[in-house]
Amino acid sequence: MRPKELVEKFVEYFNTCDAQMIANLYHEDATNHQVAHEPVIGKSAIKEMFEREFSQAEMMCIVENIFEDGEWGILEWRDPLGLRGCGFFHIIDGKIKCQRGYWDKLSFLRQHNLPIPKD
């Protein structure tokens, strides 16, 4: 799968809250680093992260742009509440090796009425 196609699949599975199908897109030793958090390493840990996040808040990814540059897929997104962000997906042999995501955690927590950490 080309990077752009893989990112499109990622969004499809994300929007159906399918943590298992999302995890299947990653290498066994992949890294998912949402920069508002510590990196999550390994396919099973990434699956657990998505399961936990889907249980905490209703999330939806609305694609604004998907770009492809060599081994990279780049996603610019928004959600129905107006939060915006972007993700960078390093694709090797048709699977995600590394993903980095940038978004405003404070705005997300406030929009979903989740507790704001004190630290």
PDB file of N, CA and C in Angstrom:
ATOM      1  N   MET A   1       0.846  -1.181   0.000  1.00  0.00           N
ATOM      2  CA  MET A   1       0.000   0.000   0.000  1.00  0.00           C
ATOM      3  C   MET A   1       0.889   1.243   0.000  1.00  0.00           C
ATOM      4  N   ARG A   2       0.542   2.184  -0.824  1.00  0.00           N
ATOM      5  CA  ARG A   2       1.275   3.457  -0.867  1.00  0.00           C
ATOM      6  C   ARG A   2       0.942   4.265   0.387  1.00  0.00           C
ATOM      7  N   PRO A   3       1.831   5.191   0.783  1.00  0.00           N
ATOM      8  CA  PRO A   3       1.588   5.972   2.007  1.00  0.00           C
ATOM      9  C   PRO A   3       0.217   6.664   2.038  1.00  0.00           C
ATOM     10  N   LYS A   4      -0.183   7.282   0.940  1.00  0.00           N
ATOM     11  CA  LYS A   4      -1.468   7.988   0.941  1.00  0.00           C
ATOM     12  C   LYS A   4      -2.623   7.007   1.167  1.00  0.00           C
ATOM     13  N   GLU A   5      -2.573   5.853   0.530  1.00  0.00           N
ATOM     14  CA  GLU A   5      -3.620   4.844   0.697  1.00  0.00           C
ATOM     15  C   GLU A   5      -3.655   4.329   2.134  1.00  0.00           C
ATOM     16  N   LEU A   6      -2.487   4.133   2.719  1.00  0.00           N
ATOM     17  CA  LEU A   6      -2.435   3.646   4.088  1.00  0.00           C
ATOM     18  C   LEU A   6      -3.027   4.670   5.053  1.00  0.00           C
ATOM     19  N   VAL A   7      -2.734   5.945   4.845  1.00  0.00           N
ATOM     20  CA  VAL A   7      -3.306   6.990   5.702  1.00  0.00           C
ATOM     21  C   VAL A   7      -4.823   7.035   5.537  1.00  0.00           C
ATOM     22  N   GLU A   8      -5.311   6.852   4.331  1.00  0.00           N
ATOM     23  CA  GLU A   8      -6.759   6.795   4.117  1.00  0.00           C
ATOM     24  C   GLU A   8      -7.379   5.626   4.891  1.00  0.00           C
ATOM     25  N   LYS A   9      -6.722   4.466   4.896  1.00  0.00           N
ATOM     26  CA  LYS A   9      -7.202   3.315   5.677  1.00  0.00           C
ATOM     27  C   LYS A   9      -7.169   3.628   7.167  1.00  0.00           C
ATOM     28  N   PHE A  10      -6.087   4.279   7.622  1.00  0.00           N
ATOM     29  CA  PHE A  10      -5.963   4.659   9.023  1.00  0.00           C
ATOM     30  C   PHE A  10      -7.178   5.499   9.439  1.00  0.00           C
ATOM     31  N   VAL A  11      -7.517   6.490   8.634  1.00  0.00           N
ATOM     32  CA  VAL A  11      -8.655   7.372   8.946  1.00  0.00           C
ATOM     33  C   VAL A  11      -9.957   6.567   8.963  1.00  0.00           C
ATOM     34  N   GLU A  12     -10.133   5.683   7.992  1.00  0.00           N
ATOM     35  CA  GLU A  12     -11.343   4.849   7.945  1.00  0.00           C
ATOM     36  C   GLU A  12     -11.489   4.042   9.239  1.00  0.00           C
ATOM     37  N   TYR A  13     -10.425   3.370   9.675  1.00  0.00           N
ATOM     38  CA  TYR A  13     -10.482   2.553  10.887  1.00  0.00           C
ATOM     39  C   TYR A  13     -10.609   3.424  12.144  1.00  0.00           C
ATOM     40  N   PHE A  14      -9.946   4.573  12.140  1.00  0.00           N
ATOM     41  CA  PHE A  14     -10.052   5.496  13.277  1.00  0.00           C
ATOM     42  C   PHE A  14     -11.503   5.930  13.459  1.00  0.00           C
ATOM     43  N   ASN A  15     -12.154   6.260  12.368  1.00  0.00           N
ATOM     44  CA  ASN A  15     -13.530   6.775  12.443  1.00  0.00           C
ATOM     45  C   ASN A  15     -14.556   5.701  12.801  1.00  0.00           C
ATOM     46  N   THR A  16     -14.158   4.433  12.749  1.00  0.00           N
ATOM     47  CA  THR A  16     -15.037   3.360  13.213  1.00  0.00           C
ATOM     48  C   THR A  16     -14.550   2.816  14.560  1.00  0.00           C
ATOM     49  N   CYS A  17     -13.553   3.477  15.141  1.00  0.00           N
ATOM     50  CA  CYS A  17     -12.995   3.098  16.465  1.00  0.00           C
ATOM     51  C   CYS A  17     -12.516   1.648  16.482  1.00  0.00           C
ATOM     52  N   ASP A  18     -11.907   1.218  15.398  1.00  0.00           N
ATOM     53  CA  ASP A  18     -11.454  -0.166  15.275  1.00  0.00           C
ATOM     54  C   ASP A  18      -9.959  -0.256  15.599  1.00  0.00           C
ATOM     55  N   ALA A  19      -9.663  -0.395  16.874  1.00  0.00           N
ATOM     56  CA  ALA A  19      -8.268  -0.417  17.334  1.00  0.00           C
ATOM     57  C   ALA A  19      -7.486  -1.584  16.738  1.00  0.00           C
ATOM     58  N   GLN A  20      -8.139  -2.725  16.563  1.00  0.00           N
ATOM     59  CA  GLN A  20      -7.438  -3.888  15.999  1.00  0.00           C
ATOM     60  C   GLN A  20      -7.037  -3.635  14.556  1.00  0.00           C
ATOM     61  N   MET A  21      -7.929  -3.101  13.748  1.00  0.00           N
ATOM     62  CA  MET A  21      -7.602  -2.833  12.349  1.00  0.00           C
ATOM     63  C   MET A  21      -6.544  -1.732  12.240  1.00  0.00           C
ATOM     64  N   ILE A  22      -6.613  -0.744  13.113  1.00  0.00           N
ATOM     65  CA  ILE A  22      -5.563   0.282  13.126  1.00  0.00           C
ATOM     66  C   ILE A  22      -4.228  -0.376  13.447  1.00  0.00           C
ATOM     67  N   ALA A  23      -4.196  -1.210  14.486  1.00  0.00           N
ATOM     68  CA  ALA A  23      -2.948  -1.867  14.888  1.00  0.00           C
ATOM     69  C   ALA A  23      -2.366  -2.703  13.751  1.00  0.00           C
ATOM     70  N   ASN A  24      -3.219  -3.309  12.944  1.00  0.00           N
ATOM     71  CA  ASN A  24      -2.744  -4.120  11.824  1.00  0.00           C
ATOM     72  C   ASN A  24      -1.979  -3.308  10.786  1.00  0.00           C
ATOM     73  N   LEU A  25      -2.105  -1.996  10.820  1.00  0.00           N
ATOM     74  CA  LEU A  25      -1.395  -1.132   9.874  1.00  0.00           C
ATOM     75  C   LEU A  25       0.061  -0.867  10.293  1.00  0.00           C
ATOM     76  N   TYR A  26       0.428  -1.271  11.511  1.00  0.00           N
ATOM     77  CA  TYR A  26       1.749  -0.958  12.070  1.00  0.00           C
ATOM     78  C   TYR A  26       2.689  -2.160  12.021  1.00  0.00           C
ATOM     79  N   HIS A  27       3.986  -1.876  11.935  1.00  0.00           N
ATOM     80  CA  HIS A  27       5.025  -2.890  12.148  1.00  0.00           C
ATOM     81  C   HIS A  27       4.981  -3.324  13.615  1.00  0.00           C
ATOM     82  N   GLU A  28       5.466  -4.520  13.907  1.00  0.00           N
ATOM     83  CA  GLU A  28       5.497  -5.036  15.280  1.00  0.00           C
ATOM     84  C   GLU A  28       6.232  -4.096  16.234  1.00  0.00           C
ATOM     85  N   ASP A  29       7.313  -3.470  15.758  1.00  0.00           N
ATOM     86  CA  ASP A  29       8.138  -2.606  16.609  1.00  0.00           C
ATOM     87  C   ASP A  29       7.931  -1.114  16.318  1.00  0.00           C
ATOM     88  N   ALA A  30       6.763  -0.777  15.785  1.00  0.00           N
ATOM     89  CA  ALA A  30       6.470   0.614  15.404  1.00  0.00           C
ATOM     90  C   ALA A  30       6.415   1.539  16.620  1.00  0.00           C
ATOM     91  N   THR A  31       6.540   2.823  16.335  1.00  0.00           N
ATOM     92  CA  THR A  31       6.400   3.864  17.355  1.00  0.00           C
ATOM     93  C   THR A  31       5.284   4.813  16.948  1.00  0.00           C
ATOM     94  N   ASN A  32       4.403   5.121  17.907  1.00  0.00           N
ATOM     95  CA  ASN A  32       3.384   6.149  17.710  1.00  0.00           C
ATOM     96  C   ASN A  32       3.671   7.220  18.759  1.00  0.00           C
ATOM     97  N   HIS A  33       4.063   8.390  18.291  1.00  0.00           N
ATOM     98  CA  HIS A  33       4.389   9.475  19.218  1.00  0.00           C
ATOM     99  C   HIS A  33       3.451  10.647  18.983  1.00  0.00           C
ATOM    100  N   GLN A  34       2.389  10.685  19.768  1.00  0.00           N
ATOM    101  CA  GLN A  34       1.543  11.871  19.820  1.00  0.00           C
ATOM    102  C   GLN A  34       2.300  12.819  20.745  1.00  0.00           C
ATOM    103  N   VAL A  35       2.790  13.922  20.216  1.00  0.00           N
ATOM    104  CA  VAL A  35       3.784  14.711  20.955  1.00  0.00           C
ATOM    105  C   VAL A  35       3.256  15.273  22.274  1.00  0.00           C
ATOM    106  N   ALA A  36       1.958  15.221  22.481  1.00  0.00           N
ATOM    107  CA  ALA A  36       1.401  15.634  23.777  1.00  0.00           C
ATOM    108  C   ALA A  36       1.605  14.543  24.828  1.00  0.00           C
ATOM    109  N   HIS A  37       2.102  13.371  24.414  1.00  0.00           N
ATOM    110  CA  HIS A  37       2.306  12.220  25.298  1.00  0.00           C
ATOM    111  C   HIS A  37       3.683  11.615  25.045  1.00  0.00           C
ATOM    112  N   GLU A  38       4.043  10.664  25.875  1.00  0.00           N
ATOM    113  CA  GLU A  38       5.264   9.893  25.648  1.00  0.00           C
ATOM    114  C   GLU A  38       5.043   8.958  24.455  1.00  0.00           C
ATOM    115  N   PRO A  39       6.106   8.608  23.732  1.00  0.00           N
ATOM    116  CA  PRO A  39       5.955   7.670  22.613  1.00  0.00           C
ATOM    117  C   PRO A  39       5.424   6.314  23.083  1.00  0.00           C
ATOM    118  N   VAL A  40       4.623   5.688  22.249  1.00  0.00           N
ATOM    119  CA  VAL A  40       4.104   4.347  22.490  1.00  0.00           C
ATOM    120  C   VAL A  40       4.824   3.440  21.492  1.00  0.00           C
ATOM    121  N   ILE A  41       5.450   2.385  22.008  1.00  0.00           N
ATOM    122  CA  ILE A  41       6.283   1.534  21.162  1.00  0.00           C
ATOM    123  C   ILE A  41       5.721   0.126  21.130  1.00  0.00           C
ATOM    124  N   GLY A  42       5.575  -0.393  19.932  1.00  0.00           N
ATOM    125  CA  GLY A  42       5.106  -1.755  19.723  1.00  0.00           C
ATOM    126  C   GLY A  42       3.653  -1.801  19.311  1.00  0.00           C
ATOM    127  N   LYS A  43       3.365  -2.695  18.389  1.00  0.00           N
ATOM    128  CA  LYS A  43       2.019  -2.836  17.823  1.00  0.00           C
ATOM    129  C   LYS A  43       0.963  -3.089  18.898  1.00  0.00           C
ATOM    130  N   SER A  44       1.247  -3.982  19.848  1.00  0.00           N
ATOM    131  CA  SER A  44       0.228  -4.288  20.866  1.00  0.00           C
ATOM    132  C   SER A  44      -0.004  -3.096  21.793  1.00  0.00           C
ATOM    133  N   ALA A  45       1.053  -2.362  22.132  1.00  0.00           N
ATOM    134  CA  ALA A  45       0.891  -1.170  22.980  1.00  0.00           C
ATOM    135  C   ALA A  45       0.120  -0.080  22.228  1.00  0.00           C
ATOM    136  N   ILE A  46       0.337   0.022  20.936  1.00  0.00           N
ATOM    137  CA  ILE A  46      -0.388   1.003  20.120  1.00  0.00           C
ATOM    138  C   ILE A  46      -1.876   0.631  20.084  1.00  0.00           C
ATOM    139  N   LYS A  47      -2.172  -0.649  19.929  1.00  0.00           N
ATOM    140  CA  LYS A  47      -3.578  -1.107  19.949  1.00  0.00           C
ATOM    141  C   LYS A  47      -4.222  -0.744  21.282  1.00  0.00           C
ATOM    142  N   GLU A  48      -3.540  -1.025  22.380  1.00  0.00           N
ATOM    143  CA  GLU A  48      -4.066  -0.698  23.710  1.00  0.00           C
ATOM    144  C   GLU A  48      -4.293   0.803  23.867  1.00  0.00           C
ATOM    145  N   MET A  49      -3.383   1.609  23.329  1.00  0.00           N
ATOM    146  CA  MET A  49      -3.530   3.063  23.401  1.00  0.00           C
ATOM    147  C   MET A  49      -4.833   3.488  22.703  1.00  0.00           C
ATOM    148  N   PHE A  50      -5.060   2.968  21.496  1.00  0.00           N
ATOM    149  CA  PHE A  50      -6.273   3.340  20.768  1.00  0.00           C
ATOM    150  C   PHE A  50      -7.523   2.836  21.483  1.00  0.00           C
ATOM    151  N   GLU A  51      -7.492   1.634  22.030  1.00  0.00           N
ATOM    152  CA  GLU A  51      -8.648   1.124  22.776  1.00  0.00           C
ATOM    153  C   GLU A  51      -8.974   2.051  23.945  1.00  0.00           C
ATOM    154  N   ARG A  52      -7.959   2.458  24.670  1.00  0.00           N
ATOM    155  CA  ARG A  52      -8.139   3.345  25.824  1.00  0.00           C
ATOM    156  C   ARG A  52      -8.689   4.705  25.371  1.00  0.00           C
ATOM    157  N   GLU A  53      -8.105   5.269  24.332  1.00  0.00           N
ATOM    158  CA  GLU A  53      -8.547   6.584  23.866  1.00  0.00           C
ATOM    159  C   GLU A  53      -9.973   6.545  23.322  1.00  0.00           C
ATOM    160  N   PHE A  54     -10.329   5.495  22.586  1.00  0.00           N
ATOM    161  CA  PHE A  54     -11.691   5.385  22.063  1.00  0.00           C
ATOM    162  C   PHE A  54     -12.707   5.236  23.187  1.00  0.00           C
ATOM    163  N   SER A  55     -12.301   4.660  24.318  1.00  0.00           N
ATOM    164  CA  SER A  55     -13.230   4.502  25.442  1.00  0.00           C
ATOM    165  C   SER A  55     -13.398   5.797  26.242  1.00  0.00           C
ATOM    166  N   GLN A  56     -12.470   6.735  26.104  1.00  0.00           N
ATOM    167  CA  GLN A  56     -12.502   7.970  26.892  1.00  0.00           C
ATOM    168  C   GLN A  56     -13.245   9.120  26.217  1.00  0.00           C
ATOM    169  N   ALA A  57     -13.241   9.145  24.899  1.00  0.00           N
ATOM    170  CA  ALA A  57     -13.852  10.282  24.202  1.00  0.00           C
ATOM    171  C   ALA A  57     -14.328   9.849  22.819  1.00  0.00           C
ATOM    172  N   GLU A  58     -15.386  10.490  22.372  1.00  0.00           N
ATOM    173  CA  GLU A  58     -15.865  10.256  21.012  1.00  0.00           C
ATOM    174  C   GLU A  58     -15.008  11.093  20.076  1.00  0.00           C
ATOM    175  N   MET A  59     -14.306  10.420  19.199  1.00  0.00           N
ATOM    176  CA  MET A  59     -13.377  11.125  18.305  1.00  0.00           C
ATOM    177  C   MET A  59     -13.717  10.810  16.858  1.00  0.00           C
ATOM    178  N   MET A  60     -13.469  11.791  16.006  1.00  0.00           N
ATOM    179  CA  MET A  60     -13.650  11.619  14.574  1.00  0.00           C
ATOM    180  C   MET A  60     -12.604  12.446  13.853  1.00  0.00           C
ATOM    181  N   CYS A  61     -12.055  11.882  12.809  1.00  0.00           N
ATOM    182  CA  CYS A  61     -11.044  12.558  12.005  1.00  0.00           C
ATOM    183  C   CYS A  61     -11.668  12.967  10.675  1.00  0.00           C
ATOM    184  N   ILE A  62     -11.705  14.259  10.415  1.00  0.00           N
ATOM    185  CA  ILE A  62     -12.174  14.782   9.137  1.00  0.00           C
ATOM    186  C   ILE A  62     -10.940  15.215   8.356  1.00  0.00           C
ATOM    187  N   VAL A  63     -10.723  14.581   7.228  1.00  0.00           N
ATOM    188  CA  VAL A  63      -9.526  14.843   6.429  1.00  0.00           C
ATOM    189  C   VAL A  63      -9.629  16.209   5.766  1.00  0.00           C
ATOM    190  N   GLU A  64      -8.587  16.997   5.939  1.00  0.00           N
ATOM    191  CA  GLU A  64      -8.464  18.243   5.189  1.00  0.00           C
ATOM    192  C   GLU A  64      -7.523  18.042   4.004  1.00  0.00           C
ATOM    193  N   ASN A  65      -6.398  17.360   4.243  1.00  0.00           N
ATOM    194  CA  ASN A  65      -5.442  17.047   3.176  1.00  0.00           C
ATOM    195  C   ASN A  65      -4.686  15.783   3.542  1.00  0.00           C
ATOM    196  N   ILE A  66      -4.345  15.023   2.526  1.00  0.00           N
ATOM    197  CA  ILE A  66      -3.400  13.927   2.678  1.00  0.00           C
ATOM    198  C   ILE A  66      -2.351  14.112   1.589  1.00  0.00           C
ATOM    199  N   PHE A  67      -1.109  14.147   2.019  1.00  0.00           N
ATOM    200  CA  PHE A  67       0.007  14.312   1.098  1.00  0.00           C
ATOM    201  C   PHE A  67       0.889  13.078   1.165  1.00  0.00           C
ATOM    202  N   GLU A  68       1.614  12.830   0.102  1.00  0.00           N
ATOM    203  CA  GLU A  68       2.549  11.725   0.058  1.00  0.00           C
ATOM    204  C   GLU A  68       3.879  12.263  -0.444  1.00  0.00           C
ATOM    205  N   ASP A  69       4.949  11.883   0.251  1.00  0.00           N
ATOM    206  CA  ASP A  69       6.287  12.283  -0.165  1.00  0.00           C
ATOM    207  C   ASP A  69       7.227  11.111   0.097  1.00  0.00           C
ATOM    208  N   GLY A  70       7.526  10.345  -0.918  1.00  0.00           N
ATOM    209  CA  GLY A  70       8.389   9.182  -0.758  1.00  0.00           C
ATOM    210  C   GLY A  70       7.757   8.168   0.182  1.00  0.00           C
ATOM    211  N   GLU A  71       8.450   7.868   1.284  1.00  0.00           N
ATOM    212  CA  GLU A  71       7.961   6.893   2.272  1.00  0.00           C
ATOM    213  C   GLU A  71       7.033   7.528   3.298  1.00  0.00           C
ATOM    214  N   TRP A  72       6.645   8.767   3.111  1.00  0.00           N
ATOM    215  CA  TRP A  72       5.863   9.487   4.125  1.00  0.00           C
ATOM    216  C   TRP A  72       4.453   9.790   3.641  1.00  0.00           C
ATOM    217  N   GLY A  73       3.493   9.584   4.532  1.00  0.00           N
ATOM    218  CA  GLY A  73       2.132  10.053   4.344  1.00  0.00           C
ATOM    219  C   GLY A  73       1.894  11.139   5.384  1.00  0.00           C
ATOM    220  N   ILE A  74       1.316  12.240   4.964  1.00  0.00           N
ATOM    221  CA  ILE A  74       1.097  13.380   5.861  1.00  0.00           C
ATOM    222  C   ILE A  74      -0.398  13.692   5.861  1.00  0.00           C
ATOM    223  N   LEU A  75      -0.971  13.725   7.061  1.00  0.00           N
ATOM    224  CA  LEU A  75      -2.401  13.949   7.228  1.00  0.00           C
ATOM    225  C   LEU A  75      -2.632  15.269   7.946  1.00  0.00           C
ATOM    226  N   GLU A  76      -3.422  16.124   7.339  1.00  0.00           N
ATOM    227  CA  GLU A  76      -3.904  17.343   7.998  1.00  0.00           C
ATOM    228  C   GLU A  76      -5.380  17.105   8.275  1.00  0.00           C
ATOM    229  N   TRP A  77      -5.802  17.263   9.554  1.00  0.00           N
ATOM    230  CA  TRP A  77      -7.152  16.888   9.937  1.00  0.00           C
ATOM    231  C   TRP A  77      -7.796  17.939  10.850  1.00  0.00           C
ATOM    232  N   ARG A  78      -9.097  17.725  11.015  1.00  0.00           N
ATOM    233  CA  ARG A  78      -9.865  18.475  12.015  1.00  0.00           C
ATOM    234  C   ARG A  78     -10.904  17.522  12.559  1.00  0.00           C
ATOM    235  N   ASP A  79     -11.527  17.923  13.660  1.00  0.00           N
ATOM    236  CA  ASP A  79     -12.620  17.109  14.188  1.00  0.00           C
ATOM    237  C   ASP A  79     -13.897  17.944  14.186  1.00  0.00           C
ATOM    238  N   PRO A  80     -15.041  17.347  14.472  1.00  0.00           N
ATOM    239  CA  PRO A  80     -16.304  18.088  14.422  1.00  0.00           C
ATOM    240  C   PRO A  80     -16.373  19.251  15.405  1.00  0.00           C
ATOM    241  N   LEU A  81     -15.546  19.236  16.456  1.00  0.00           N
ATOM    242  CA  LEU A  81     -15.561  20.312  17.447  1.00  0.00           C
ATOM    243  C   LEU A  81     -14.604  21.454  17.098  1.00  0.00           C
ATOM    244  N   GLY A  82     -13.866  21.307  16.001  1.00  0.00           N
ATOM    245  CA  GLY A  82     -12.985  22.383  15.553  1.00  0.00           C
ATOM    246  C   GLY A  82     -11.511  22.197  15.869  1.00  0.00           C
ATOM    247  N   LEU A  83     -11.159  21.146  16.615  1.00  0.00           N
ATOM    248  CA  LEU A  83      -9.750  20.879  16.885  1.00  0.00           C
ATOM    249  C   LEU A  83      -9.054  20.506  15.584  1.00  0.00           C
ATOM    250  N   ARG A  84      -7.840  20.999  15.412  1.00  0.00           N
ATOM    251  CA  ARG A  84      -7.062  20.703  14.211  1.00  0.00           C
ATOM    252  C   ARG A  84      -5.732  20.080  14.601  1.00  0.00           C
ATOM    253  N   GLY A  85      -5.200  19.290  13.686  1.00  0.00           N
ATOM    254  CA  GLY A  85      -3.906  18.688  13.934  1.00  0.00           C
ATOM    255  C   GLY A  85      -3.338  18.114  12.657  1.00  0.00           C
ATOM    256  N   CYS A  86      -2.176  17.485  12.800  1.00  0.00           N
ATOM    257  CA  CYS A  86      -1.549  16.840  11.658  1.00  0.00           C
ATOM    258  C   CYS A  86      -0.791  15.613  12.142  1.00  0.00           C
ATOM    259  N   GLY A  87      -0.616  14.688  11.233  1.00  0.00           N
ATOM    260  CA  GLY A  87       0.100  13.463  11.537  1.00  0.00           C
ATOM    261  C   GLY A  87       1.071  13.141  10.430  1.00  0.00           C
ATOM    262  N   PHE A  88       2.213  12.593  10.817  1.00  0.00           N
ATOM    263  CA  PHE A  88       3.259  12.200   9.886  1.00  0.00           C
ATOM    264  C   PHE A  88       3.468  10.697  10.041  1.00  0.00           C
ATOM    265  N   PHE A  89       3.338   9.956   8.962  1.00  0.00           N
ATOM    266  CA  PHE A  89       3.394   8.506   8.968  1.00  0.00           C
ATOM    267  C   PHE A  89       4.565   8.056   8.104  1.00  0.00           C
ATOM    268  N   HIS A  90       5.564   7.418   8.705  1.00  0.00           N
ATOM    269  CA  HIS A  90       6.674   6.852   7.950  1.00  0.00           C
ATOM    270  C   HIS A  90       6.299   5.423   7.601  1.00  0.00           C
ATOM    271  N   ILE A  91       6.141   5.167   6.315  1.00  0.00           N
ATOM    272  CA  ILE A  91       5.660   3.887   5.821  1.00  0.00           C
ATOM    273  C   ILE A  91       6.829   3.119   5.208  1.00  0.00           C
ATOM    274  N   ILE A  92       7.068   1.932   5.752  1.00  0.00           N
ATOM    275  CA  ILE A  92       8.108   1.050   5.216  1.00  0.00           C
ATOM    276  C   ILE A  92       7.461  -0.301   4.933  1.00  0.00           C
ATOM    277  N   ASP A  93       7.656  -0.791   3.708  1.00  0.00           N
ATOM    278  CA  ASP A  93       7.081  -2.082   3.292  1.00  0.00           C
ATOM    279  C   ASP A  93       5.571  -2.151   3.547  1.00  0.00           C
ATOM    280  N   GLY A  94       4.875  -1.066   3.295  1.00  0.00           N
ATOM    281  CA  GLY A  94       3.417  -1.054   3.370  1.00  0.00           C
ATOM    282  C   GLY A  94       2.818  -0.987   4.761  1.00  0.00           C
ATOM    283  N   LYS A  95       3.660  -0.711   5.769  1.00  0.00           N
ATOM    284  CA  LYS A  95       3.158  -0.596   7.149  1.00  0.00           C
ATOM    285  C   LYS A  95       3.790   0.619   7.822  1.00  0.00           C
ATOM    286  N   ILE A  96       3.106   1.106   8.861  1.00  0.00           N
ATOM    287  CA  ILE A  96       3.597   2.280   9.597  1.00  0.00           C
ATOM    288  C   ILE A  96       4.747   1.850  10.498  1.00  0.00           C
ATOM    289  N   LYS A  97       5.883   2.483  10.308  1.00  0.00           N
ATOM    290  CA  LYS A  97       7.046   2.252  11.168  1.00  0.00           C
ATOM    291  C   LYS A  97       7.085   3.288  12.290  1.00  0.00           C
ATOM    292  N   CYS A  98       6.731   4.516  11.944  1.00  0.00           N
ATOM    293  CA  CYS A  98       6.737   5.601  12.925  1.00  0.00           C
ATOM    294  C   CYS A  98       5.627   6.586  12.578  1.00  0.00           C
ATOM    295  N   GLN A  99       4.925   7.024  13.598  1.00  0.00           N
ATOM    296  CA  GLN A  99       3.886   8.038  13.428  1.00  0.00           C
ATOM    297  C   GLN A  99       4.101   9.124  14.467  1.00  0.00           C
ATOM    298  N   ARG A 100       4.000  10.373  14.030  1.00  0.00           N
ATOM    299  CA  ARG A 100       4.037  11.510  14.950  1.00  0.00           C
ATOM    300  C   ARG A 100       2.780  12.337  14.717  1.00  0.00           C
ATOM    301  N   GLY A 101       2.154  12.752  15.816  1.00  0.00           N
ATOM    302  CA  GLY A 101       0.947  13.555  15.721  1.00  0.00           C
ATOM    303  C   GLY A 101       1.072  14.823  16.535  1.00  0.00           C
ATOM    304  N   TYR A 102       0.576  15.905  15.982  1.00  0.00           N
ATOM    305  CA  TYR A 102       0.640  17.218  16.621  1.00  0.00           C
ATOM    306  C   TYR A 102      -0.774  17.782  16.725  1.00  0.00           C
ATOM    307  N   TRP A 103      -1.205  18.090  17.957  1.00  0.00           N
ATOM    308  CA  TRP A 103      -2.535  18.642  18.218  1.00  0.00           C
ATOM    309  C   TRP A 103      -2.514  19.268  19.609  1.00  0.00           C
ATOM    310  N   ASP A 104      -3.514  20.063  19.893  1.00  0.00           N
ATOM    311  CA  ASP A 104      -3.583  20.808  21.154  1.00  0.00           C
ATOM    312  C   ASP A 104      -4.314  19.978  22.217  1.00  0.00           C
ATOM    313  N   LYS A 105      -3.555  19.388  23.119  1.00  0.00           N
ATOM    314  CA  LYS A 105      -4.119  18.505  24.145  1.00  0.00           C
ATOM    315  C   LYS A 105      -5.073  19.248  25.075  1.00  0.00           C
ATOM    316  N   LEU A 106      -4.741  20.465  25.491  1.00  0.00           N
ATOM    317  CA  LEU A 106      -5.599  21.218  26.402  1.00  0.00           C
ATOM    318  C   LEU A 106      -6.968  21.462  25.776  1.00  0.00           C
ATOM    319  N   SER A 107      -6.992  21.865  24.525  1.00  0.00           N
ATOM    320  CA  SER A 107      -8.272  22.079  23.843  1.00  0.00           C
ATOM    321  C   SER A 107      -9.064  20.784  23.754  1.00  0.00           C
ATOM    322  N   PHE A 108      -8.388  19.672  23.458  1.00  0.00           N
ATOM    323  CA  PHE A 108      -9.057  18.378  23.378  1.00  0.00           C
ATOM    324  C   PHE A 108      -9.705  18.022  24.713  1.00  0.00           C
ATOM    325  N   LEU A 109      -8.948  18.147  25.796  1.00  0.00           N
ATOM    326  CA  LEU A 109      -9.479  17.808  27.122  1.00  0.00           C
ATOM    327  C   LEU A 109     -10.685  18.680  27.473  1.00  0.00           C
ATOM    328  N   ARG A 110     -10.593  19.952  27.205  1.00  0.00           N
ATOM    329  CA  ARG A 110     -11.714  20.852  27.497  1.00  0.00           C
ATOM    330  C   ARG A 110     -12.944  20.519  26.662  1.00  0.00           C
ATOM    331  N   GLN A 111     -12.748  20.251  25.377  1.00  0.00           N
ATOM    332  CA  GLN A 111     -13.875  19.951  24.490  1.00  0.00           C
ATOM    333  C   GLN A 111     -14.621  18.691  24.908  1.00  0.00           C
ATOM    334  N   HIS A 112     -13.897  17.739  25.492  1.00  0.00           N
ATOM    335  CA  HIS A 112     -14.496  16.455  25.856  1.00  0.00           C
ATOM    336  C   HIS A 112     -14.779  16.348  27.353  1.00  0.00           C
ATOM    337  N   ASN A 113     -14.673  17.478  28.053  1.00  0.00           N
ATOM    338  CA  ASN A 113     -14.928  17.515  29.488  1.00  0.00           C
ATOM    339  C   ASN A 113     -14.123  16.464  30.257  1.00  0.00           C
ATOM    340  N   LEU A 114     -12.873  16.302  29.869  1.00  0.00           N
ATOM    341  CA  LEU A 114     -11.964  15.377  30.536  1.00  0.00           C
ATOM    342  C   LEU A 114     -11.109  16.141  31.529  1.00  0.00           C
ATOM    343  N   PRO A 115     -10.622  15.473  32.567  1.00  0.00           N
ATOM    344  CA  PRO A 115      -9.816  16.183  33.584  1.00  0.00           C
ATOM    345  C   PRO A 115      -8.518  16.732  32.990  1.00  0.00           C
ATOM    346  N   ILE A 116      -8.168  17.906  33.467  1.00  0.00           N
ATOM    347  CA  ILE A 116      -6.916  18.551  33.049  1.00  0.00           C
ATOM    348  C   ILE A 116      -5.849  18.217  34.078  1.00  0.00           C
ATOM    349  N   PRO A 117      -4.752  17.583  33.658  1.00  0.00           N
ATOM    350  CA  PRO A 117      -3.695  17.221  34.603  1.00  0.00           C
ATOM    351  C   PRO A 117      -3.150  18.456  35.313  1.00  0.00           C
ATOM    352  N   LYS A 118      -2.765  18.277  36.574  1.00  0.00           N
ATOM    353  CA  LYS A 118      -2.246  19.395  37.378  1.00  0.00           C
ATOM    354  C   LYS A 118      -0.764  19.631  37.176  1.00  0.00           C
ATOM    355  N   ASP A 119      -0.027  18.694  36.537  1.00  0.00           N
ATOM    356  CA  ASP A 119       1.424  18.876  36.377  1.00  0.00           C
ATOM    357  C   ASP A 119       1.829  19.561  35.132  1.00  0.00           C
TER     358      ASP A 119
END
